[in-house]
């Protein structure tokens, strides 16, 4: 599997702090877990379809909250809680889908 710094998705901009935050979230909290990635994709779909109105996941380094319009990622590893960063749901969904595809590719190449 590529290193986290090699991870990107269509429209990724390494200069964009939001894009870097998404990458950090995926590499530190989701990691190479197909189960966690699939759960995240399922919850995104449930939010987008209106089956659920919100979902939260507390991970190793971040707290994630999915809402219909956006995603909040908050740093959860510092003494002082971080300020939640709002990310458009379509942007986050695209990144998670790319992460999933990268995991699938690494399993096929293993």
C-alpha atoms as a PDB file:
ATOM      1  CA  UNK A   1       0.000   0.000   0.000  1.00  0.00           C
ATOM      2  CA  UNK A   2       1.168   3.515  -0.674  1.00  0.00           C
ATOM      3  CA  UNK A   3       2.382   5.606   2.181  1.00  0.00           C
ATOM      4  CA  UNK A   4      -0.103   8.144   3.574  1.00  0.00           C
ATOM      5  CA  UNK A   5       1.689  10.983   1.795  1.00  0.00           C
ATOM      6  CA  UNK A   6       1.038   9.180  -1.518  1.00  0.00           C
ATOM      7  CA  UNK A   7      -2.695   9.001  -0.888  1.00  0.00           C
ATOM      8  CA  UNK A   8      -4.883  11.310  -2.922  1.00  0.00           C
ATOM      9  CA  UNK A   9      -8.224  11.455  -4.688  1.00  0.00           C
ATOM     10  CA  UNK A  10      -9.656  13.259  -7.692  1.00  0.00           C
ATOM     11  CA  UNK A  11      -9.360  16.963  -6.905  1.00  0.00           C
ATOM     12  CA  UNK A  12      -6.893  16.480  -4.030  1.00  0.00           C
ATOM     13  CA  UNK A  13      -4.717  19.512  -3.315  1.00  0.00           C
ATOM     14  CA  UNK A  14      -1.793  18.955  -0.932  1.00  0.00           C
ATOM     15  CA  UNK A  15      -1.763  22.700  -0.222  1.00  0.00           C
ATOM     16  CA  UNK A  16      -5.348  22.575   1.120  1.00  0.00           C
ATOM     17  CA  UNK A  17      -5.402  22.152   4.918  1.00  0.00           C
ATOM     18  CA  UNK A  18      -8.828  20.485   4.744  1.00  0.00           C
ATOM     19  CA  UNK A  19      -7.538  17.874   2.314  1.00  0.00           C
ATOM     20  CA  UNK A  20      -4.546  17.221   4.558  1.00  0.00           C
ATOM     21  CA  UNK A  21      -6.887  16.857   7.555  1.00  0.00           C
ATOM     22  CA  UNK A  22      -8.982  14.257   5.725  1.00  0.00           C
ATOM     23  CA  UNK A  23      -5.822  12.337   4.831  1.00  0.00           C
ATOM     24  CA  UNK A  24      -4.618  12.499   8.439  1.00  0.00           C
ATOM     25  CA  UNK A  25      -7.998  11.263   9.680  1.00  0.00           C
ATOM     26  CA  UNK A  26      -8.007   8.322   7.297  1.00  0.00           C
ATOM     27  CA  UNK A  27      -4.403   7.324   7.952  1.00  0.00           C
ATOM     28  CA  UNK A  28      -4.502   7.717  11.749  1.00  0.00           C
ATOM     29  CA  UNK A  29      -8.037   6.669  12.682  1.00  0.00           C
ATOM     30  CA  UNK A  30      -9.301   4.446   9.859  1.00  0.00           C
ATOM     31  CA  UNK A  31      -5.883   3.092   8.923  1.00  0.00           C
ATOM     32  CA  UNK A  32      -5.820   0.008   6.711  1.00  0.00           C
ATOM     33  CA  UNK A  33      -8.994  -1.418   8.222  1.00  0.00           C
ATOM     34  CA  UNK A  34     -11.370  -2.598   5.517  1.00  0.00           C
ATOM     35  CA  UNK A  35     -14.041  -3.056   8.198  1.00  0.00           C
ATOM     36  CA  UNK A  36     -13.763   0.549   9.422  1.00  0.00           C
ATOM     37  CA  UNK A  37     -13.644   1.884   5.861  1.00  0.00           C
ATOM     38  CA  UNK A  38     -16.730  -0.090   4.859  1.00  0.00           C
ATOM     39  CA  UNK A  39     -18.587   1.073   7.968  1.00  0.00           C
ATOM     40  CA  UNK A  40     -17.704   4.669   7.155  1.00  0.00           C
ATOM     41  CA  UNK A  41     -18.927   4.294   3.563  1.00  0.00           C
ATOM     42  CA  UNK A  42     -22.152   2.696   4.831  1.00  0.00           C
ATOM     43  CA  UNK A  43     -22.771   5.567   7.260  1.00  0.00           C
ATOM     44  CA  UNK A  44     -22.074   8.161   4.561  1.00  0.00           C
ATOM     45  CA  UNK A  45     -24.640   6.430   2.342  1.00  0.00           C
ATOM     46  CA  UNK A  46     -27.147   6.309   5.213  1.00  0.00           C
ATOM     47  CA  UNK A  47     -26.692  10.058   5.808  1.00  0.00           C
ATOM     48  CA  UNK A  48     -26.994  10.875   2.102  1.00  0.00           C
ATOM     49  CA  UNK A  49     -30.164   8.777   1.732  1.00  0.00           C
ATOM     50  CA  UNK A  50     -31.767  10.231   4.857  1.00  0.00           C
ATOM     51  CA  UNK A  51     -31.850   6.902   6.722  1.00  0.00           C
ATOM     52  CA  UNK A  52     -29.990   8.549   9.597  1.00  0.00           C
ATOM     53  CA  UNK A  53     -29.556  12.230  10.431  1.00  0.00           C
ATOM     54  CA  UNK A  54     -26.130  12.065  12.064  1.00  0.00           C
ATOM     55  CA  UNK A  55     -23.408   9.656  13.116  1.00  0.00           C
ATOM     56  CA  UNK A  56     -20.321  10.021  15.290  1.00  0.00           C
ATOM     57  CA  UNK A  57     -17.107   8.032  15.560  1.00  0.00           C
ATOM     58  CA  UNK A  58     -14.456   8.664  18.189  1.00  0.00           C
ATOM     59  CA  UNK A  59     -11.118   7.361  17.041  1.00  0.00           C
ATOM     60  CA  UNK A  60      -7.491   7.328  18.098  1.00  0.00           C
ATOM     61  CA  UNK A  61      -6.741  10.914  17.183  1.00  0.00           C
ATOM     62  CA  UNK A  62      -9.951  12.497  15.913  1.00  0.00           C
ATOM     63  CA  UNK A  63     -13.662  12.720  16.553  1.00  0.00           C
ATOM     64  CA  UNK A  64     -15.744  12.476  13.375  1.00  0.00           C
ATOM     65  CA  UNK A  65     -19.334  13.589  13.047  1.00  0.00           C
ATOM     66  CA  UNK A  66     -21.333  12.992   9.871  1.00  0.00           C
ATOM     67  CA  UNK A  67     -24.250  15.305   9.112  1.00  0.00           C
ATOM     68  CA  UNK A  68     -26.347  15.721   5.949  1.00  0.00           C
ATOM     69  CA  UNK A  69     -24.560  18.861   4.742  1.00  0.00           C
ATOM     70  CA  UNK A  70     -21.060  18.397   6.100  1.00  0.00           C
ATOM     71  CA  UNK A  71     -18.638  16.364   8.160  1.00  0.00           C
ATOM     72  CA  UNK A  72     -16.914  17.636  11.282  1.00  0.00           C
ATOM     73  CA  UNK A  73     -13.448  16.414  12.166  1.00  0.00           C
ATOM     74  CA  UNK A  74     -12.037  17.485  15.510  1.00  0.00           C
ATOM     75  CA  UNK A  75      -8.555  16.734  16.813  1.00  0.00           C
ATOM     76  CA  UNK A  76      -9.012  14.603  19.894  1.00  0.00           C
ATOM     77  CA  UNK A  77      -5.444  13.893  20.962  1.00  0.00           C
ATOM     78  CA  UNK A  78      -4.315  17.227  22.401  1.00  0.00           C
ATOM     79  CA  UNK A  79      -4.893  18.304  26.007  1.00  0.00           C
ATOM     80  CA  UNK A  80      -7.204  21.034  24.763  1.00  0.00           C
ATOM     81  CA  UNK A  81      -9.913  19.793  22.410  1.00  0.00           C
ATOM     82  CA  UNK A  82      -9.566  21.025  18.863  1.00  0.00           C
ATOM     83  CA  UNK A  83     -12.029  23.158  16.988  1.00  0.00           C
ATOM     84  CA  UNK A  84     -14.262  21.052  14.721  1.00  0.00           C
ATOM     85  CA  UNK A  85     -13.483  21.635  11.052  1.00  0.00           C
ATOM     86  CA  UNK A  86     -16.489  21.477   8.721  1.00  0.00           C
ATOM     87  CA  UNK A  87     -15.911  19.620   5.460  1.00  0.00           C
ATOM     88  CA  UNK A  88     -18.482  19.299   2.667  1.00  0.00           C
ATOM     89  CA  UNK A  89     -19.919  15.774   2.722  1.00  0.00           C
ATOM     90  CA  UNK A  90     -19.268  15.141  -1.019  1.00  0.00           C
ATOM     91  CA  UNK A  91     -15.570  15.992  -0.591  1.00  0.00           C
ATOM     92  CA  UNK A  92     -15.227  13.661   2.393  1.00  0.00           C
ATOM     93  CA  UNK A  93     -17.175  10.896   0.615  1.00  0.00           C
ATOM     94  CA  UNK A  94     -14.862  11.137  -2.414  1.00  0.00           C
ATOM     95  CA  UNK A  95     -11.800  10.802  -0.190  1.00  0.00           C
ATOM     96  CA  UNK A  96     -13.220   7.803   1.705  1.00  0.00           C
ATOM     97  CA  UNK A  97     -14.143   6.112  -1.587  1.00  0.00           C
ATOM     98  CA  UNK A  98     -10.586   6.635  -2.855  1.00  0.00           C
ATOM     99  CA  UNK A  99      -9.223   5.268   0.442  1.00  0.00           C
ATOM    100  CA  UNK A 100     -11.426   2.191   0.018  1.00  0.00           C
ATOM    101  CA  UNK A 101     -10.207   1.682  -3.550  1.00  0.00           C
ATOM    102  CA  UNK A 102      -6.612   1.961  -2.394  1.00  0.00           C
ATOM    103  CA  UNK A 103      -7.234  -0.687   0.281  1.00  0.00           C
ATOM    104  CA  UNK A 104      -8.903  -2.986  -2.259  1.00  0.00           C
ATOM    105  CA  UNK A 105      -5.931  -2.506  -4.586  1.00  0.00           C
ATOM    106  CA  UNK A 106      -3.434  -3.297  -1.839  1.00  0.00           C
ATOM    107  CA  UNK A 107      -5.312  -6.511  -0.964  1.00  0.00           C
ATOM    108  CA  UNK A 108      -5.251  -7.627  -4.597  1.00  0.00           C
ATOM    109  CA  UNK A 109      -1.514  -6.938  -4.810  1.00  0.00           C
ATOM    110  CA  UNK A 110      -0.704  -8.704  -1.531  1.00  0.00           C
END
